[in-house]
């Protein structure tokens, strides 16, 4: 709907910084969980590491949309990144309910 209406989101340096930090932290947590899960032989913790890796990838998608909007004026990149999250969430729901 946002893309169809042509709404232009505002640029936010703080939002870009926050999202970049979030992505870095998620990737670091994912690596730590995976490493600890392997060391302990804990499959649940290894799986949690993969889930946290997906969180990092999704944060990176949002970051890309924010940066493209701020740097190149691609107003549609920010809402498009949101649609990536919606598609991923819909896929997860289908798997859970499927």
PDB file of N, CA and C in Angstrom:
ATOM      1  N   UNK A   1       0.823  -1.185   0.000  1.00  0.00           N
ATOM      2  CA  UNK A   1       0.000   0.000   0.000  1.00  0.00           C
ATOM      3  C   UNK A   1       0.872   1.256   0.000  1.00  0.00           C
ATOM      4  N   UNK A   2       1.942   1.245   0.766  1.00  0.00           N
ATOM      5  CA  UNK A   2       2.827   2.412   0.838  1.00  0.00           C
ATOM      6  C   UNK A   2       3.456   2.680  -0.526  1.00  0.00           C
ATOM      7  N   UNK A   3       3.863   1.644  -1.208  1.00  0.00           N
ATOM      8  CA  UNK A   3       4.465   1.829  -2.531  1.00  0.00           C
ATOM      9  C   UNK A   3       3.444   2.388  -3.513  1.00  0.00           C
ATOM     10  N   UNK A   4       2.220   1.903  -3.448  1.00  0.00           N
ATOM     11  CA  UNK A   4       1.182   2.374  -4.369  1.00  0.00           C
ATOM     12  C   UNK A   4       0.814   3.830  -4.103  1.00  0.00           C
ATOM     13  N   UNK A   5       0.837   4.230  -2.832  1.00  0.00           N
ATOM     14  CA  UNK A   5       0.459   5.606  -2.498  1.00  0.00           C
ATOM     15  C   UNK A   5       1.583   6.596  -2.765  1.00  0.00           C
ATOM     16  N   UNK A   6       2.821   6.098  -2.898  1.00  0.00           N
ATOM     17  CA  UNK A   6       3.954   6.981  -3.153  1.00  0.00           C
ATOM     18  C   UNK A   6       4.428   7.732  -1.926  1.00  0.00           C
ATOM     19  N   UNK A   7       4.086   7.234  -0.741  1.00  0.00           N
ATOM     20  CA  UNK A   7       4.524   7.878   0.499  1.00  0.00           C
ATOM     21  C   UNK A   7       6.046   7.842   0.578  1.00  0.00           C
ATOM     22  N   UNK A   8       6.659   8.968   0.872  1.00  0.00           N
ATOM     23  CA  UNK A   8       8.113   9.068   0.980  1.00  0.00           C
ATOM     24  C   UNK A   8       8.511   9.101   2.452  1.00  0.00           C
ATOM     25  N   UNK A   9       9.141   8.027   2.963  1.00  0.00           N
ATOM     26  CA  UNK A   9       9.560   8.026   4.362  1.00  0.00           C
ATOM     27  C   UNK A   9      10.684   9.035   4.594  1.00  0.00           C
ATOM     28  N   UNK A  10      10.743   9.551   5.793  1.00  0.00           N
ATOM     29  CA  UNK A  10      11.795  10.498   6.146  1.00  0.00           C
ATOM     30  C   UNK A  10      13.118   9.777   6.354  1.00  0.00           C
ATOM     31  N   UNK A  11      14.196  10.497   6.157  1.00  0.00           N
ATOM     32  CA  UNK A  11      15.528   9.942   6.407  1.00  0.00           C
ATOM     33  C   UNK A  11      15.823  10.065   7.894  1.00  0.00           C
ATOM     34  N   UNK A  12      16.518   9.059   8.439  1.00  0.00           N
ATOM     35  CA  UNK A  12      16.837   9.073   9.861  1.00  0.00           C
ATOM     36  C   UNK A  12      18.228   8.501  10.086  1.00  0.00           C
ATOM     37  N   UNK A  13      19.172   9.374  10.387  1.00  0.00           N
ATOM     38  CA  UNK A  13      20.532   8.918  10.666  1.00  0.00           C
ATOM     39  C   UNK A  13      20.526   8.029  11.904  1.00  0.00           C
ATOM     40  N   UNK A  14      19.777   8.413  12.923  1.00  0.00           N
ATOM     41  CA  UNK A  14      19.688   7.607  14.136  1.00  0.00           C
ATOM     42  C   UNK A  14      19.114   6.225  13.828  1.00  0.00           C
ATOM     43  N   UNK A  15      18.098   6.167  12.968  1.00  0.00           N
ATOM     44  CA  UNK A  15      17.516   4.887  12.576  1.00  0.00           C
ATOM     45  C   UNK A  15      18.517   4.005  11.844  1.00  0.00           C
ATOM     46  N   UNK A  16      19.332   4.618  10.996  1.00  0.00           N
ATOM     47  CA  UNK A  16      20.360   3.872  10.270  1.00  0.00           C
ATOM     48  C   UNK A  16      21.399   3.323  11.238  1.00  0.00           C
ATOM     49  N   UNK A  17      21.841   4.158  12.166  1.00  0.00           N
ATOM     50  CA  UNK A  17      22.844   3.721  13.149  1.00  0.00           C
ATOM     51  C   UNK A  17      22.276   2.592  14.010  1.00  0.00           C
ATOM     52  N   UNK A  18      21.066   2.774  14.502  1.00  0.00           N
ATOM     53  CA  UNK A  18      20.435   1.764  15.358  1.00  0.00           C
ATOM     54  C   UNK A  18      20.297   0.433  14.622  1.00  0.00           C
ATOM     55  N   UNK A  19      19.860   0.475  13.383  1.00  0.00           N
ATOM     56  CA  UNK A  19      19.666  -0.747  12.609  1.00  0.00           C
ATOM     57  C   UNK A  19      21.006  -1.409  12.291  1.00  0.00           C
ATOM     58  N   UNK A  20      22.030  -0.617  12.010  1.00  0.00           N
ATOM     59  CA  UNK A  20      23.367  -1.181  11.759  1.00  0.00           C
ATOM     60  C   UNK A  20      23.902  -1.875  13.005  1.00  0.00           C
ATOM     61  N   UNK A  21      23.742  -1.241  14.161  1.00  0.00           N
ATOM     62  CA  UNK A  21      24.190  -1.859  15.413  1.00  0.00           C
ATOM     63  C   UNK A  21      23.407  -3.150  15.671  1.00  0.00           C
ATOM     64  N   UNK A  22      22.111  -3.107  15.426  1.00  0.00           N
ATOM     65  CA  UNK A  22      21.275  -4.294  15.605  1.00  0.00           C
ATOM     66  C   UNK A  22      21.768  -5.446  14.737  1.00  0.00           C
ATOM     67  N   UNK A  23      22.058  -5.165  13.470  1.00  0.00           N
ATOM     68  CA  UNK A  23      22.535  -6.214  12.567  1.00  0.00           C
ATOM     69  C   UNK A  23      23.855  -6.803  13.055  1.00  0.00           C
ATOM     70  N   UNK A  24      24.781  -5.946  13.435  1.00  0.00           N
ATOM     71  CA  UNK A  24      26.083  -6.424  13.918  1.00  0.00           C
ATOM     72  C   UNK A  24      25.903  -7.298  15.160  1.00  0.00           C
ATOM     73  N   UNK A  25      25.081  -6.848  16.095  1.00  0.00           N
ATOM     74  CA  UNK A  25      24.851  -7.614  17.323  1.00  0.00           C
ATOM     75  C   UNK A  25      24.206  -8.962  17.004  1.00  0.00           C
ATOM     76  N   UNK A  26      23.243  -8.974  16.090  1.00  0.00           N
ATOM     77  CA  UNK A  26      22.584 -10.231  15.733  1.00  0.00           C
ATOM     78  C   UNK A  26      23.572 -11.223  15.129  1.00  0.00           C
ATOM     79  N   UNK A  27      24.454 -10.748  14.247  1.00  0.00           N
ATOM     80  CA  UNK A  27      25.441 -11.643  13.648  1.00  0.00           C
ATOM     81  C   UNK A  27      26.426 -12.157  14.701  1.00  0.00           C
ATOM     82  N   UNK A  28      26.820 -11.296  15.622  1.00  0.00           N
ATOM     83  CA  UNK A  28      27.729 -11.727  16.694  1.00  0.00           C
ATOM     84  C   UNK A  28      27.052 -12.746  17.613  1.00  0.00           C
ATOM     85  N   UNK A  29      25.797 -12.498  17.968  1.00  0.00           N
ATOM     86  CA  UNK A  29      25.057 -13.446  18.799  1.00  0.00           C
ATOM     87  C   UNK A  29      24.875 -14.781  18.085  1.00  0.00           C
ATOM     88  N   UNK A  30      24.576 -14.720  16.798  1.00  0.00           N
ATOM     89  CA  UNK A  30      24.390 -15.952  16.023  1.00  0.00           C
ATOM     90  C   UNK A  30      25.658 -16.793  16.033  1.00  0.00           C
ATOM     91  N   UNK A  31      26.786 -16.154  15.815  1.00  0.00           N
ATOM     92  CA  UNK A  31      28.060 -16.876  15.810  1.00  0.00           C
ATOM     93  C   UNK A  31      28.351 -17.464  17.190  1.00  0.00           C
ATOM     94  N   UNK A  32      28.111 -16.686  18.226  1.00  0.00           N
ATOM     95  CA  UNK A  32      28.353 -17.164  19.588  1.00  0.00           C
ATOM     96  C   UNK A  32      27.453 -18.335  19.959  1.00  0.00           C
ATOM     97  N   UNK A  33      26.185 -18.245  19.606  1.00  0.00           N
ATOM     98  CA  UNK A  33      25.255 -19.338  19.904  1.00  0.00           C
ATOM     99  C   UNK A  33      25.645 -20.605  19.144  1.00  0.00           C
ATOM    100  N   UNK A  34      25.984 -20.442  17.867  1.00  0.00           N
ATOM    101  CA  UNK A  34      26.367 -21.611  17.069  1.00  0.00           C
ATOM    102  C   UNK A  34      27.632 -22.258  17.620  1.00  0.00           C
ATOM    103  N   UNK A  35      28.609 -21.440  17.949  1.00  0.00           N
ATOM    104  CA  UNK A  35      29.880 -21.955  18.493  1.00  0.00           C
ATOM    105  C   UNK A  35      29.652 -22.655  19.840  1.00  0.00           C
ATOM    106  N   UNK A  36      28.873 -22.034  20.713  1.00  0.00           N
ATOM    107  CA  UNK A  36      28.596 -22.627  22.019  1.00  0.00           C
ATOM    108  C   UNK A  36      27.768 -23.896  21.869  1.00  0.00           C
ATOM    109  N   UNK A  37      26.802 -23.874  20.970  1.00  0.00           N
ATOM    110  CA  UNK A  37      25.983 -25.052  20.727  1.00  0.00           C
ATOM    111  C   UNK A  37      26.806 -26.230  20.230  1.00  0.00           C
ATOM    112  N   UNK A  38      27.768 -25.954  19.342  1.00  0.00           N
ATOM    113  CA  UNK A  38      28.668 -27.021  18.863  1.00  0.00           C
ATOM    114  C   UNK A  38      29.545 -27.542  19.998  1.00  0.00           C
ATOM    115  N   UNK A  39      30.092 -26.626  20.790  1.00  0.00           N
ATOM    116  CA  UNK A  39      30.991 -27.025  21.884  1.00  0.00           C
ATOM    117  C   UNK A  39      30.264 -27.873  22.927  1.00  0.00           C
ATOM    118  N   UNK A  40      28.996 -27.539  23.164  1.00  0.00           N
ATOM    119  CA  UNK A  40      28.225 -28.278  24.171  1.00  0.00           C
ATOM    120  C   UNK A  40      27.475 -29.467  23.584  1.00  0.00           C
ATOM    121  N   UNK A  41      27.491 -29.582  22.256  1.00  0.00           N
ATOM    122  CA  UNK A  41      26.700 -30.629  21.614  1.00  0.00           C
ATOM    123  C   UNK A  41      25.209 -30.398  21.800  1.00  0.00           C
ATOM    124  N   UNK A  42      24.809 -29.132  21.819  1.00  0.00           N
ATOM    125  CA  UNK A  42      23.421 -28.757  22.087  1.00  0.00           C
ATOM    126  C   UNK A  42      22.736 -28.354  20.779  1.00  0.00           C
ATOM    127  N   UNK A  43      21.885 -29.232  20.216  1.00  0.00           N
ATOM    128  CA  UNK A  43      21.232 -28.909  18.941  1.00  0.00           C
ATOM    129  C   UNK A  43      20.253 -27.737  19.041  1.00  0.00           C
ATOM    130  N   UNK A  44      19.647 -27.552  20.203  1.00  0.00           N
ATOM    131  CA  UNK A  44      18.709 -26.435  20.373  1.00  0.00           C
ATOM    132  C   UNK A  44      19.454 -25.108  20.258  1.00  0.00           C
ATOM    133  N   UNK A  45      20.605 -25.011  20.886  1.00  0.00           N
ATOM    134  CA  UNK A  45      21.380 -23.770  20.824  1.00  0.00           C
ATOM    135  C   UNK A  45      21.926 -23.527  19.413  1.00  0.00           C
ATOM    136  N   UNK A  46      22.301 -24.595  18.721  1.00  0.00           N
ATOM    137  CA  UNK A  46      22.749 -24.435  17.323  1.00  0.00           C
ATOM    138  C   UNK A  46      21.603 -23.917  16.458  1.00  0.00           C
ATOM    139  N   UNK A  47      20.405 -24.453  16.665  1.00  0.00           N
ATOM    140  CA  UNK A  47      19.231 -23.978  15.919  1.00  0.00           C
ATOM    141  C   UNK A  47      18.937 -22.526  16.259  1.00  0.00           C
ATOM    142  N   UNK A  48      19.042 -22.174  17.517  1.00  0.00           N
ATOM    143  CA  UNK A  48      18.841 -20.783  17.937  1.00  0.00           C
ATOM    144  C   UNK A  48      19.850 -19.863  17.254  1.00  0.00           C
ATOM    145  N   UNK A  49      21.059 -20.351  17.057  1.00  0.00           N
ATOM    146  CA  UNK A  49      22.061 -19.578  16.329  1.00  0.00           C
ATOM    147  C   UNK A  49      21.635 -19.308  14.894  1.00  0.00           C
ATOM    148  N   UNK A  50      21.020 -20.309  14.252  1.00  0.00           N
ATOM    149  CA  UNK A  50      20.537 -20.111  12.872  1.00  0.00           C
ATOM    150  C   UNK A  50      19.377 -19.110  12.836  1.00  0.00           C
ATOM    151  N   UNK A  51      18.494 -19.184  13.830  1.00  0.00           N
ATOM    152  CA  UNK A  51      17.372 -18.237  13.904  1.00  0.00           C
ATOM    153  C   UNK A  51      17.904 -16.813  14.090  1.00  0.00           C
ATOM    154  N   UNK A  52      18.890 -16.652  14.946  1.00  0.00           N
ATOM    155  CA  UNK A  52      19.474 -15.330  15.181  1.00  0.00           C
ATOM    156  C   UNK A  52      20.208 -14.837  13.937  1.00  0.00           C
ATOM    157  N   UNK A  53      20.797 -15.743  13.167  1.00  0.00           N
ATOM    158  CA  UNK A  53      21.414 -15.359  11.898  1.00  0.00           C
ATOM    159  C   UNK A  53      20.365 -14.782  10.949  1.00  0.00           C
ATOM    160  N   UNK A  54      19.191 -15.395  10.897  1.00  0.00           N
ATOM    161  CA  UNK A  54      18.090 -14.862  10.074  1.00  0.00           C
ATOM    162  C   UNK A  54      17.703 -13.471  10.557  1.00  0.00           C
ATOM    163  N   UNK A  55      17.673 -13.264  11.868  1.00  0.00           N
ATOM    164  CA  UNK A  55      17.386 -11.925  12.413  1.00  0.00           C
ATOM    165  C   UNK A  55      18.401 -10.905  11.899  1.00  0.00           C
ATOM    166  N   UNK A  56      19.667 -11.292  11.862  1.00  0.00           N
ATOM    167  CA  UNK A  56      20.712 -10.401  11.344  1.00  0.00           C
ATOM    168  C   UNK A  56      20.515 -10.094   9.872  1.00  0.00           C
ATOM    169  N   UNK A  57      20.138 -11.101   9.106  1.00  0.00           N
ATOM    170  CA  UNK A  57      19.899 -10.903   7.668  1.00  0.00           C
ATOM    171  C   UNK A  57      18.715  -9.964   7.458  1.00  0.00           C
ATOM    172  N   UNK A  58      17.653 -10.151   8.229  1.00  0.00           N
ATOM    173  CA  UNK A  58      16.486  -9.275   8.105  1.00  0.00           C
ATOM    174  C   UNK A  58      16.825  -7.838   8.514  1.00  0.00           C
ATOM    175  N   UNK A  59      17.612  -7.676   9.568  1.00  0.00           N
ATOM    176  CA  UNK A  59      18.050  -6.328   9.970  1.00  0.00           C
ATOM    177  C   UNK A  59      18.887  -5.690   8.873  1.00  0.00           C
ATOM    178  N   UNK A  60      19.690  -6.495   8.182  1.00  0.00           N
ATOM    179  CA  UNK A  60      20.497  -5.982   7.075  1.00  0.00           C
ATOM    180  C   UNK A  60      19.616  -5.541   5.911  1.00  0.00           C
ATOM    181  N   UNK A  61      18.535  -6.271   5.658  1.00  0.00           N
ATOM    182  CA  UNK A  61      17.599  -5.875   4.595  1.00  0.00           C
ATOM    183  C   UNK A  61      16.973  -4.518   4.917  1.00  0.00           C
ATOM    184  N   UNK A  62      16.578  -4.341   6.167  1.00  0.00           N
ATOM    185  CA  UNK A  62      16.010  -3.052   6.581  1.00  0.00           C
ATOM    186  C   UNK A  62      17.065  -1.951   6.468  1.00  0.00           C
ATOM    187  N   UNK A  63      18.278  -2.246   6.904  1.00  0.00           N
ATOM    188  CA  UNK A  63      19.369  -1.271   6.816  1.00  0.00           C
ATOM    189  C   UNK A  63      19.612  -0.854   5.366  1.00  0.00           C
ATOM    190  N   UNK A  64      19.612  -1.807   4.469  1.00  0.00           N
ATOM    191  CA  UNK A  64      19.809  -1.492   3.051  1.00  0.00           C
ATOM    192  C   UNK A  64      18.723  -0.543   2.548  1.00  0.00           C
ATOM    193  N   UNK A  65      17.471  -0.813   2.917  1.00  0.00           N
ATOM    194  CA  UNK A  65      16.384   0.077   2.517  1.00  0.00           C
ATOM    195  C   UNK A  65      16.551   1.478   3.068  1.00  0.00           C
ATOM    196  N   UNK A  66      16.950   1.576   4.338  1.00  0.00           N
ATOM    197  CA  UNK A  66      17.157   2.888   4.956  1.00  0.00           C
ATOM    198  C   UNK A  66      18.291   3.663   4.281  1.00  0.00           C
ATOM    199  N   UNK A  67      19.391   2.969   4.006  1.00  0.00           N
ATOM    200  CA  UNK A  67      20.551   3.622   3.398  1.00  0.00           C
ATOM    201  C   UNK A  67      20.245   4.046   1.962  1.00  0.00           C
ATOM    202  N   UNK A  68      19.586   3.202   1.199  1.00  0.00           N
ATOM    203  CA  UNK A  68      19.241   3.568  -0.176  1.00  0.00           C
ATOM    204  C   UNK A  68      18.308   4.771  -0.217  1.00  0.00           C
ATOM    205  N   UNK A  69      17.393   4.842   0.738  1.00  0.00           N
ATOM    206  CA  UNK A  69      16.508   6.000   0.816  1.00  0.00           C
ATOM    207  C   UNK A  69      17.296   7.250   1.167  1.00  0.00           C
ATOM    208  N   UNK A  70      18.162   7.154   2.169  1.00  0.00           N
ATOM    209  CA  UNK A  70      18.902   8.328   2.646  1.00  0.00           C
ATOM    210  C   UNK A  70      19.945   8.805   1.643  1.00  0.00           C
ATOM    211  N   UNK A  71      20.678   7.885   1.031  1.00  0.00           N
ATOM    212  CA  UNK A  71      21.799   8.263   0.156  1.00  0.00           C
ATOM    213  C   UNK A  71      21.399   8.547  -1.286  1.00  0.00           C
ATOM    214  N   UNK A  72      20.508   7.711  -1.815  1.00  0.00           N
ATOM    215  CA  UNK A  72      20.170   7.840  -3.238  1.00  0.00           C
ATOM    216  C   UNK A  72      18.778   8.407  -3.481  1.00  0.00           C
ATOM    217  N   UNK A  73      18.037   8.631  -2.385  1.00  0.00           N
ATOM    218  CA  UNK A  73      16.687   9.152  -2.531  1.00  0.00           C
ATOM    219  C   UNK A  73      15.705   8.119  -3.060  1.00  0.00           C
ATOM    220  N   UNK A  74      16.061   6.858  -2.962  1.00  0.00           N
ATOM    221  CA  UNK A  74      15.164   5.797  -3.421  1.00  0.00           C
ATOM    222  C   UNK A  74      14.102   5.574  -2.350  1.00  0.00           C
ATOM    223  N   UNK A  75      13.092   6.426  -2.325  1.00  0.00           N
ATOM    224  CA  UNK A  75      12.067   6.396  -1.296  1.00  0.00           C
ATOM    225  C   UNK A  75      11.386   5.032  -1.205  1.00  0.00           C
ATOM    226  N   UNK A  76      11.318   4.307  -2.284  1.00  0.00           N
ATOM    227  CA  UNK A  76      10.628   3.020  -2.325  1.00  0.00           C
ATOM    228  C   UNK A  76      11.441   1.893  -1.687  1.00  0.00           C
ATOM    229  N   UNK A  77      12.748   2.097  -1.479  1.00  0.00           N
ATOM    230  CA  UNK A  77      13.602   1.030  -0.948  1.00  0.00           C
ATOM    231  C   UNK A  77      13.256   0.709   0.508  1.00  0.00           C
ATOM    232  N   UNK A  78      12.916   1.716   1.298  1.00  0.00           N
ATOM    233  CA  UNK A  78      12.582   1.496   2.704  1.00  0.00           C
ATOM    234  C   UNK A  78      11.311   0.660   2.833  1.00  0.00           C
ATOM    235  N   UNK A  79      10.190   1.045   2.199  1.00  0.00           N
ATOM    236  CA  UNK A  79       9.009   0.189   2.301  1.00  0.00           C
ATOM    237  C   UNK A  79       9.201  -1.172   1.631  1.00  0.00           C
ATOM    238  N   UNK A  80      10.009  -1.239   0.576  1.00  0.00           N
ATOM    239  CA  UNK A  80      10.263  -2.532  -0.067  1.00  0.00           C
ATOM    240  C   UNK A  80      10.965  -3.472   0.907  1.00  0.00           C
ATOM    241  N   UNK A  81      11.876  -2.952   1.716  1.00  0.00           N
ATOM    242  CA  UNK A  81      12.542  -3.772   2.730  1.00  0.00           C
ATOM    243  C   UNK A  81      11.522  -4.294   3.742  1.00  0.00           C
ATOM    244  N   UNK A  82      10.538  -3.475   4.059  1.00  0.00           N
ATOM    245  CA  UNK A  82       9.464  -3.928   4.952  1.00  0.00           C
ATOM    246  C   UNK A  82       8.687  -5.078   4.354  1.00  0.00           C
ATOM    247  N   UNK A  83       8.473  -5.047   3.040  1.00  0.00           N
ATOM    248  CA  UNK A  83       7.774  -6.143   2.377  1.00  0.00           C
ATOM    249  C   UNK A  83       8.602  -7.434   2.411  1.00  0.00           C
ATOM    250  N   UNK A  84       9.915  -7.315   2.396  1.00  0.00           N
ATOM    251  CA  UNK A  84      10.776  -8.498   2.541  1.00  0.00           C
ATOM    252  C   UNK A  84      10.483  -9.169   3.884  1.00  0.00           C
ATOM    253  N   UNK A  85      10.360  -8.361   4.940  1.00  0.00           N
ATOM    254  CA  UNK A  85      10.060  -8.900   6.262  1.00  0.00           C
ATOM    255  C   UNK A  85       8.684  -9.563   6.292  1.00  0.00           C
ATOM    256  N   UNK A  86       7.713  -8.931   5.657  1.00  0.00           N
ATOM    257  CA  UNK A  86       6.359  -9.490   5.621  1.00  0.00           C
ATOM    258  C   UNK A  86       6.352 -10.826   4.884  1.00  0.00           C
ATOM    259  N   UNK A  87       7.058 -10.902   3.763  1.00  0.00           N
ATOM    260  CA  UNK A  87       7.119 -12.157   3.007  1.00  0.00           C
ATOM    261  C   UNK A  87       7.779 -13.259   3.821  1.00  0.00           C
ATOM    262  N   UNK A  88       8.846 -12.936   4.521  1.00  0.00           N
ATOM    263  CA  UNK A  88       9.508 -13.926   5.357  1.00  0.00           C
ATOM    264  C   UNK A  88       8.576 -14.397   6.474  1.00  0.00           C
ATOM    265  N   UNK A  89       7.890 -13.456   7.112  1.00  0.00           N
ATOM    266  CA  UNK A  89       6.972 -13.811   8.201  1.00  0.00           C
ATOM    267  C   UNK A  89       5.840 -14.692   7.681  1.00  0.00           C
ATOM    268  N   UNK A  90       5.316 -14.371   6.500  1.00  0.00           N
ATOM    269  CA  UNK A  90       4.241 -15.178   5.914  1.00  0.00           C
ATOM    270  C   UNK A  90       4.733 -16.601   5.633  1.00  0.00           C
ATOM    271  N   UNK A  91       5.949 -16.724   5.151  1.00  0.00           N
ATOM    272  CA  UNK A  91       6.523 -18.047   4.889  1.00  0.00           C
ATOM    273  C   UNK A  91       6.643 -18.845   6.187  1.00  0.00           C
ATOM    274  N   UNK A  92       7.088 -18.186   7.250  1.00  0.00           N
ATOM    275  CA  UNK A  92       7.221 -18.853   8.541  1.00  0.00           C
ATOM    276  C   UNK A  92       5.859 -19.310   9.067  1.00  0.00           C
ATOM    277  N   UNK A  93       4.859 -18.471   8.923  1.00  0.00           N
ATOM    278  CA  UNK A  93       3.510 -18.831   9.387  1.00  0.00           C
ATOM    279  C   UNK A  93       2.995 -20.035   8.601  1.00  0.00           C
ATOM    280  N   UNK A  94       3.221 -20.033   7.285  1.00  0.00           N
ATOM    281  CA  UNK A  94       2.796 -21.170   6.454  1.00  0.00           C
ATOM    282  C   UNK A  94       3.461 -22.458   6.939  1.00  0.00           C
ATOM    283  N   UNK A  95       4.745 -22.401   7.262  1.00  0.00           N
ATOM    284  CA  UNK A  95       5.438 -23.588   7.747  1.00  0.00           C
ATOM    285  C   UNK A  95       4.902 -24.055   9.091  1.00  0.00           C
ATOM    286  N   UNK A  96       4.583 -23.105   9.957  1.00  0.00           N
ATOM    287  CA  UNK A  96       4.066 -23.464  11.286  1.00  0.00           C
ATOM    288  C   UNK A  96       2.680 -24.095  11.179  1.00  0.00           C
ATOM    289  N   UNK A  97       1.826 -23.495  10.363  1.00  0.00           N
ATOM    290  CA  UNK A  97       0.444 -23.965  10.253  1.00  0.00           C
ATOM    291  C   UNK A  97       0.274 -25.084   9.236  1.00  0.00           C
ATOM    292  N   UNK A  98       1.282 -25.222   8.338  1.00  0.00           N
ATOM    293  CA  UNK A  98       1.185 -26.152   7.217  1.00  0.00           C
ATOM    294  C   UNK A  98       1.134 -27.553   7.615  1.00  0.00           C
TER     295      UNK A  98
END
